[in-house]
């Protein structure tokens, strides 16, 4: 807990100092406005759940992917990466703690979208299954932290990881069913999409907003957690291996 608190103070200070980190908190209300305007213009109140959840999940994913990579890249630029890797605390734990703080901050997008909906459009979001919705948000945050940990590991391994960071967002969001349910996409995308935790969490959160009973809750929550933890463990192991390699080669700040 002391490590998480220390990492939280550090990452919180960095987020407030570097305004680029807050770009997704600025962009999310604008995206919510665009989506809700399109829904109103086309007179499709049945799509309100899509218009509310899409900008939230986009903000959570984008902020986690951006800052998880910058955690390592900025530390390398500032010359503190070597000190952190040399410290007695496992570097992967430090990175994961900082990623957790970032993911928690990104959940502010929920409040932002709700404010846009109420103040800008007079639409009060109805959450018919609040417990399912809250648990769905929590497991989505956990899974996002796992994916961000893997991205951080790629940034330690190679400088070209920024290419992955910039190119992964929209394919992952599209195949994750953030904009439209996965079953509305071409059939060949379904097996790929189901390997992305967002496809499970987006469906679950949309169902939690609707009045119909939510089916297979435990299974779907387990799928989000399982995929997120699998990605996180992969990132943890990769990060540990890369740190050992850069220590042995003496290229921590050069890779």
Foldseek 3Di string as FASTA:
>chain_A
DVLLVVLLVVLVVVCVVDVVLCVLVVVLLVQLVVLVVVCVVVVPPVCNLLSLQLSLLLQLLLSLLVVLLVVQVVCLVVVNQVVLLPDPDHSLVSSLSNSLSSSVVSNCSNVSSQCCCCVVPVDHQAQQQVVLLVLLSVLLSLLSSLLSLLLNLVSQQDVCSVVVSVPVRPVLCVLLQSNHQNVVDDPVSVVVSLLRLSNLSSVSNSVRRDNDDDPPSVVSSCSSNVSSVVSNVVSSVSNVVSSVVCVVVVCRSPD
